[in-house]
Amino acid sequence: MAGYRLVLEVRLTAVDPALQRPAAPDDGDSSRIPADAQAVFADYRARTRETASVIQDATIRRARAERAVA
């Protein structure tokens, strides 16, 4: 729950008031985004990629096992 609150706080502080939308690190000009917010985004992306990779590997193993049984 603490991680959720941290990401929520970072997201709320990284809002571009002129556009009323979150400022994302991929916008090109990362100088508008606080360094701690950039670090949180980078950590989140790394964990998301890692989780997706684990899920993909497990899915492939399961599909192979099901084919072997059939």
N, C-alpha and C. Protein backbone atom coordinates (compact mmCIF):
# COMPACT_ATOMS: atom_id res chain seq x y z
N MET A 1 0.81 -1.19 0.00
CA MET A 1 0.00 0.00 0.00
C MET A 1 0.86 1.26 0.00
N ALA A 2 2.03 1.18 0.65
CA ALA A 2 2.91 2.35 0.70
C ALA A 2 3.43 2.68 -0.69
N GLY A 3 3.73 1.65 -1.49
CA GLY A 3 4.20 1.89 -2.86
C GLY A 3 3.15 2.56 -3.70
N TYR A 4 1.89 2.15 -3.53
CA TYR A 4 0.80 2.78 -4.27
C TYR A 4 0.69 4.25 -3.91
N ARG A 5 0.78 4.54 -2.62
CA ARG A 5 0.67 5.93 -2.18
C ARG A 5 1.83 6.76 -2.72
N LEU A 6 3.03 6.18 -2.74
CA LEU A 6 4.19 6.91 -3.26
C LEU A 6 4.01 7.23 -4.74
N VAL A 7 3.59 6.23 -5.52
CA VAL A 7 3.38 6.46 -6.95
C VAL A 7 2.27 7.49 -7.16
N LEU A 8 1.21 7.41 -6.37
CA LEU A 8 0.12 8.38 -6.49
C LEU A 8 0.61 9.79 -6.18
N GLU A 9 1.39 9.93 -5.11
CA GLU A 9 1.92 11.25 -4.77
C GLU A 9 2.84 11.78 -5.87
N VAL A 10 3.69 10.91 -6.41
CA VAL A 10 4.60 11.33 -7.47
C VAL A 10 3.82 11.75 -8.70
N ARG A 11 2.79 10.98 -9.02
CA ARG A 11 1.97 11.31 -10.20
C ARG A 11 1.29 12.66 -10.00
N LEU A 12 0.79 12.91 -8.82
CA LEU A 12 0.11 14.17 -8.57
C LEU A 12 1.06 15.35 -8.61
N THR A 13 2.31 15.14 -8.20
CA THR A 13 3.28 16.23 -8.23
C THR A 13 3.86 16.43 -9.62
N ALA A 14 3.71 15.44 -10.51
CA ALA A 14 4.28 15.54 -11.85
C ALA A 14 3.25 15.99 -12.89
N VAL A 15 2.17 16.63 -12.44
CA VAL A 15 1.14 17.09 -13.37
C VAL A 15 1.56 18.44 -13.93
N ASP A 16 1.49 18.56 -15.24
CA ASP A 16 1.80 19.81 -15.92
C ASP A 16 0.56 20.71 -15.83
N PRO A 17 0.58 21.77 -15.02
CA PRO A 17 -0.62 22.57 -14.83
C PRO A 17 -1.11 23.25 -16.11
N ALA A 18 -0.22 23.53 -17.05
CA ALA A 18 -0.64 24.19 -18.29
C ALA A 18 -1.49 23.27 -19.14
N LEU A 19 -1.20 21.99 -19.12
CA LEU A 19 -1.93 21.04 -19.95
C LEU A 19 -2.91 20.19 -19.16
N GLN A 20 -2.83 20.23 -17.84
CA GLN A 20 -3.68 19.43 -16.96
C GLN A 20 -3.63 17.95 -17.31
N ARG A 21 -2.44 17.47 -17.51
CA ARG A 21 -2.24 16.05 -17.76
C ARG A 21 -0.91 15.66 -17.13
N PRO A 22 -0.74 14.38 -16.82
CA PRO A 22 0.53 13.97 -16.21
C PRO A 22 1.69 14.20 -17.17
N ALA A 23 2.78 14.68 -16.65
CA ALA A 23 3.99 14.83 -17.46
C ALA A 23 4.73 13.51 -17.41
N ALA A 24 4.92 12.88 -18.54
CA ALA A 24 5.59 11.59 -18.61
C ALA A 24 7.05 11.78 -18.99
N PRO A 25 7.93 10.89 -18.50
CA PRO A 25 9.34 11.02 -18.84
C PRO A 25 9.62 10.92 -20.34
N ASP A 26 8.71 10.33 -21.11
CA ASP A 26 8.92 10.19 -22.55
C ASP A 26 8.50 11.42 -23.33
N ASP A 27 8.11 12.50 -22.67
CA ASP A 27 7.66 13.71 -23.35
C ASP A 27 8.80 14.43 -24.07
N GLY A 28 10.01 14.01 -23.86
CA GLY A 28 11.13 14.65 -24.52
C GLY A 28 11.87 15.60 -23.59
N ASP A 29 11.15 16.46 -22.89
CA ASP A 29 11.76 17.41 -21.98
C ASP A 29 11.56 16.91 -20.55
N SER A 30 12.52 16.14 -20.07
CA SER A 30 12.38 15.55 -18.74
C SER A 30 12.78 16.54 -17.64
N SER A 31 13.18 17.75 -18.01
CA SER A 31 13.57 18.72 -16.99
C SER A 31 12.38 19.18 -16.16
N ARG A 32 11.17 19.00 -16.68
CA ARG A 32 9.96 19.40 -15.94
C ARG A 32 9.61 18.39 -14.86
N ILE A 33 10.18 17.20 -14.93
CA ILE A 33 9.82 16.12 -14.01
C ILE A 33 10.88 16.02 -12.92
N PRO A 34 10.44 16.03 -11.65
CA PRO A 34 11.42 15.91 -10.57
C PRO A 34 12.22 14.61 -10.67
N ALA A 35 13.46 14.65 -10.23
CA ALA A 35 14.36 13.49 -10.33
C ALA A 35 13.80 12.29 -9.58
N ASP A 36 13.18 12.51 -8.42
CA ASP A 36 12.64 11.38 -7.67
C ASP A 36 11.47 10.74 -8.42
N ALA A 37 10.70 11.55 -9.13
CA ALA A 37 9.60 11.00 -9.92
C ALA A 37 10.14 10.19 -11.09
N GLN A 38 11.21 10.66 -11.72
CA GLN A 38 11.82 9.91 -12.82
C GLN A 38 12.32 8.56 -12.32
N ALA A 39 12.89 8.55 -11.12
CA ALA A 39 13.40 7.30 -10.56
C ALA A 39 12.25 6.33 -10.28
N VAL A 40 11.13 6.84 -9.78
CA VAL A 40 9.98 5.98 -9.51
C VAL A 40 9.43 5.42 -10.81
N PHE A 41 9.32 6.26 -11.85
CA PHE A 41 8.85 5.78 -13.15
C PHE A 41 9.77 4.71 -13.72
N ALA A 42 11.07 4.94 -13.63
CA ALA A 42 12.04 3.97 -14.16
C ALA A 42 11.95 2.65 -13.39
N ASP A 43 11.81 2.72 -12.07
CA ASP A 43 11.68 1.51 -11.27
C ASP A 43 10.40 0.77 -11.63
N TYR A 44 9.31 1.51 -11.78
CA TYR A 44 8.03 0.89 -12.14
C TYR A 44 8.13 0.19 -13.50
N ARG A 45 8.73 0.86 -14.46
CA ARG A 45 8.86 0.26 -15.80
C ARG A 45 9.71 -1.01 -15.75
N ALA A 46 10.80 -0.98 -14.98
CA ALA A 46 11.66 -2.16 -14.87
C ALA A 46 10.91 -3.32 -14.24
N ARG A 47 10.16 -3.04 -13.16
CA ARG A 47 9.39 -4.12 -12.52
C ARG A 47 8.29 -4.63 -13.44
N THR A 48 7.67 -3.75 -14.21
CA THR A 48 6.62 -4.16 -15.13
C THR A 48 7.19 -5.07 -16.20
N ARG A 49 8.34 -4.70 -16.76
CA ARG A 49 8.98 -5.54 -17.78
C ARG A 49 9.37 -6.90 -17.20
N GLU A 50 9.89 -6.89 -15.98
CA GLU A 50 10.29 -8.14 -15.34
C GLU A 50 9.07 -9.04 -15.09
N THR A 51 8.00 -8.46 -14.61
CA THR A 51 6.77 -9.23 -14.36
C THR A 51 6.22 -9.78 -15.66
N ALA A 52 6.20 -8.98 -16.71
CA ALA A 52 5.70 -9.44 -18.00
C ALA A 52 6.54 -10.59 -18.53
N SER A 53 7.85 -10.51 -18.33
CA SER A 53 8.74 -11.57 -18.78
C SER A 53 8.48 -12.87 -18.02
N VAL A 54 8.28 -12.77 -16.71
CA VAL A 54 7.99 -13.95 -15.90
C VAL A 54 6.67 -14.58 -16.33
N ILE A 55 5.66 -13.76 -16.56
CA ILE A 55 4.36 -14.27 -16.99
C ILE A 55 4.46 -14.94 -18.36
N GLN A 56 5.20 -14.31 -19.27
CA GLN A 56 5.36 -14.88 -20.61
C GLN A 56 6.08 -16.23 -20.53
N ASP A 57 7.15 -16.30 -19.74
CA ASP A 57 7.88 -17.57 -19.60
C ASP A 57 6.99 -18.66 -19.01
N ALA A 58 6.20 -18.32 -18.00
CA ALA A 58 5.30 -19.30 -17.38
C ALA A 58 4.24 -19.76 -18.38
N THR A 59 3.74 -18.86 -19.20
CA THR A 59 2.74 -19.21 -20.20
C THR A 59 3.31 -20.16 -21.24
N ILE A 60 4.52 -19.88 -21.68
CA ILE A 60 5.18 -20.75 -22.67
C ILE A 60 5.41 -22.14 -22.08
N ARG A 61 5.91 -22.20 -20.82
CA ARG A 61 6.13 -23.50 -20.18
C ARG A 61 4.82 -24.28 -20.06
N ARG A 62 3.76 -23.61 -19.68
CA ARG A 62 2.46 -24.29 -19.53
C ARG A 62 1.96 -24.80 -20.88
N ALA A 63 2.07 -23.98 -21.93
CA ALA A 63 1.63 -24.40 -23.25
C ALA A 63 2.43 -25.61 -23.73
N ARG A 64 3.73 -25.59 -23.50
CA ARG A 64 4.57 -26.73 -23.90
C ARG A 64 4.18 -27.99 -23.12
N ALA A 65 3.91 -27.84 -21.83
CA ALA A 65 3.51 -28.99 -21.01
C ALA A 65 2.18 -29.54 -21.47
N GLU A 66 1.26 -28.66 -21.82
CA GLU A 66 -0.06 -29.13 -22.28
C GLU A 66 0.06 -29.86 -23.63
N ARG A 67 0.94 -29.37 -24.49
CA ARG A 67 1.15 -30.05 -25.79
C ARG A 67 1.80 -31.41 -25.59
N ALA A 68 2.70 -31.50 -24.63
CA ALA A 68 3.39 -32.76 -24.38
C ALA A 68 2.42 -33.84 -23.85
N VAL A 69 1.44 -33.40 -23.09
CA VAL A 69 0.45 -34.34 -22.54
C VAL A 69 -0.53 -34.78 -23.62
N ALA A 70 -0.86 -33.90 -24.51
CA ALA A 70 -1.88 -34.17 -25.53
C ALA A 70 -1.43 -35.08 -26.60
